Amino acid sequence: MSDSVQVSASTSTHSWVLTANVRPLVESLAALVDYEADGWDWDAIETGLSGTDADAPHGWYDYPLVGTITTLRLELANDPGSLITTVQVHHAPDELLKARIETIMSMLARYQVIA
């Protein structure tokens, strides 16, 4: 874990998405917290994800989404040899927020988004 923005809560939601859906994941999570993700965010995440490994203890990429509603801290790592990216979202202990995050990740694990 890096020294990035700290989320004041201790709750996290863990799952995976199709690697092709990482950008829609980030954009959807950003919308939840009223953060406008842009090309700079995507460039940073795309670069940070290269070389990650979900099985390596320090093989994860850490990225904050600091919205006007709350902050999400994303931890992302590719699963080498597969088409999935493992995701941990650290967030405030809010059941509605958690359900929304779980729904987004569930959809993006099952269906490839074509933008």
Protein backbone atom coordinates (compact mmCIF):
# COMPACT_ATOMS: atom_id res chain seq x y z
CA MET A 1 0.00 0.00 0.00
CA SER A 2 1.28 3.46 -0.79
CA ASP A 3 1.16 6.74 1.09
CA SER A 4 -1.83 8.01 -0.85
CA VAL A 5 -4.99 9.68 0.41
CA GLN A 6 -6.32 7.93 3.47
CA VAL A 7 -10.02 7.11 3.74
CA SER A 8 -11.20 7.77 7.29
CA ALA A 9 -13.21 4.54 7.36
CA SER A 10 -12.10 0.95 7.67
CA THR A 11 -14.54 -0.64 5.24
CA SER A 12 -13.53 -2.11 1.93
CA THR A 13 -15.22 -3.94 -0.89
CA HIS A 14 -13.21 -6.51 -2.80
CA SER A 15 -13.94 -8.12 -6.17
CA TRP A 16 -12.68 -8.28 -9.73
CA VAL A 17 -13.69 -6.87 -13.10
CA LEU A 18 -12.81 -7.66 -16.66
CA THR A 19 -9.59 -5.79 -17.41
CA ALA A 20 -11.30 -4.19 -20.42
CA ASN A 21 -13.75 -2.63 -17.93
CA VAL A 22 -11.29 -0.88 -15.63
CA ARG A 23 -11.96 2.52 -17.19
CA PRO A 24 -15.78 2.16 -16.91
CA LEU A 25 -15.20 1.02 -13.31
CA VAL A 26 -13.19 4.13 -12.45
CA GLU A 27 -15.66 6.41 -14.21
CA SER A 28 -18.64 4.78 -12.48
CA LEU A 29 -17.04 4.91 -9.03
CA ALA A 30 -16.01 8.53 -9.62
CA ALA A 31 -19.62 9.41 -10.44
CA LEU A 32 -20.74 7.85 -7.13
CA VAL A 33 -18.64 10.30 -5.14
CA ASP A 34 -19.10 13.29 -7.45
CA TYR A 35 -15.58 13.26 -8.83
CA GLU A 36 -15.03 14.11 -12.46
CA ALA A 37 -12.50 11.60 -13.75
CA ASP A 38 -10.65 12.81 -16.82
CA GLY A 39 -7.90 11.77 -19.19
CA TRP A 40 -5.20 12.57 -16.62
CA ASP A 41 -6.76 10.11 -14.19
CA TRP A 42 -6.99 7.42 -16.81
CA ASP A 43 -3.39 7.98 -17.95
CA ALA A 44 -2.19 7.63 -14.33
CA ILE A 45 -4.25 4.48 -13.74
CA GLU A 46 -3.30 2.86 -17.04
CA THR A 47 0.39 3.52 -16.36
CA GLY A 48 0.10 2.43 -12.73
CA LEU A 49 -1.63 -0.83 -13.65
CA SER A 50 1.12 -1.94 -16.01
CA GLY A 51 3.29 -4.42 -14.20
CA THR A 52 0.87 -5.03 -11.33
CA ASP A 53 0.30 -8.53 -10.00
CA ALA A 54 -2.60 -9.44 -7.72
CA ASP A 55 -0.57 -12.26 -6.17
CA ALA A 56 2.39 -10.06 -5.20
CA PRO A 57 2.22 -8.36 -1.78
CA HIS A 58 3.44 -5.03 -3.20
CA GLY A 59 2.08 -5.59 -6.69
CA TRP A 60 -0.97 -3.35 -6.40
CA TYR A 61 -1.63 0.16 -7.73
CA ASP A 62 -3.25 2.62 -5.32
CA TYR A 63 -5.40 5.51 -6.60
CA PRO A 64 -7.70 7.92 -4.73
CA LEU A 65 -10.97 9.32 -6.05
CA VAL A 66 -11.48 12.44 -3.93
CA GLY A 67 -15.06 13.46 -4.57
CA THR A 68 -17.25 16.14 -3.09
CA ILE A 69 -19.40 13.49 -1.38
CA THR A 70 -16.67 11.20 -0.01
CA THR A 71 -13.31 9.69 -0.96
CA LEU A 72 -12.75 6.23 -2.38
CA ARG A 73 -9.31 4.67 -2.38
CA LEU A 74 -8.88 2.13 -5.15
CA GLU A 75 -6.35 -0.66 -5.12
CA LEU A 76 -6.02 -2.37 -8.48
CA ALA A 77 -3.91 -5.27 -9.71
CA ASN A 78 -3.95 -7.33 -12.86
CA ASP A 79 -4.06 -11.10 -12.71
CA PRO A 80 -1.21 -12.02 -15.09
CA GLY A 81 -2.26 -14.54 -17.69
CA SER A 82 -5.96 -13.74 -17.37
CA LEU A 83 -8.42 -11.10 -18.51
CA ILE A 84 -9.32 -9.84 -15.04
CA THR A 85 -8.21 -7.07 -12.70
CA THR A 86 -8.66 -7.50 -8.97
CA VAL A 87 -10.10 -4.48 -7.19
CA GLN A 88 -10.36 -3.32 -3.59
CA VAL A 89 -12.35 -0.16 -2.87
CA HIS A 90 -11.80 1.40 0.54
CA HIS A 91 -14.73 3.58 1.52
CA ALA A 92 -16.81 5.05 4.31
CA PRO A 93 -18.89 2.52 6.27
CA ASP A 94 -22.10 3.29 4.40
CA GLU A 95 -24.31 0.34 3.42
CA LEU A 96 -25.91 2.12 0.46
CA LEU A 97 -22.50 3.15 -0.91
CA LYS A 98 -21.22 -0.41 -0.42
CA ALA A 99 -24.24 -1.85 -2.28
CA ARG A 100 -23.68 0.55 -5.17
CA ILE A 101 -19.98 -0.33 -5.38
CA GLU A 102 -20.81 -4.05 -5.30
CA THR A 103 -23.41 -3.63 -8.06
CA ILE A 104 -20.99 -1.75 -10.31
CA MET A 105 -18.26 -4.35 -9.81
CA SER A 106 -20.67 -7.24 -10.32
CA MET A 107 -21.87 -5.87 -13.65
CA LEU A 108 -18.34 -5.12 -14.84
CA ALA A 109 -17.21 -8.64 -13.95
CA ARG A 110 -19.89 -10.20 -16.12
CA TYR A 111 -20.33 -7.95 -19.15
CA GLN A 112 -17.82 -6.11 -21.30
CA VAL A 113 -18.74 -2.46 -21.69
CA ILE A 114 -18.36 -1.06 -25.19
CA ALA A 115 -17.87 2.69 -25.16
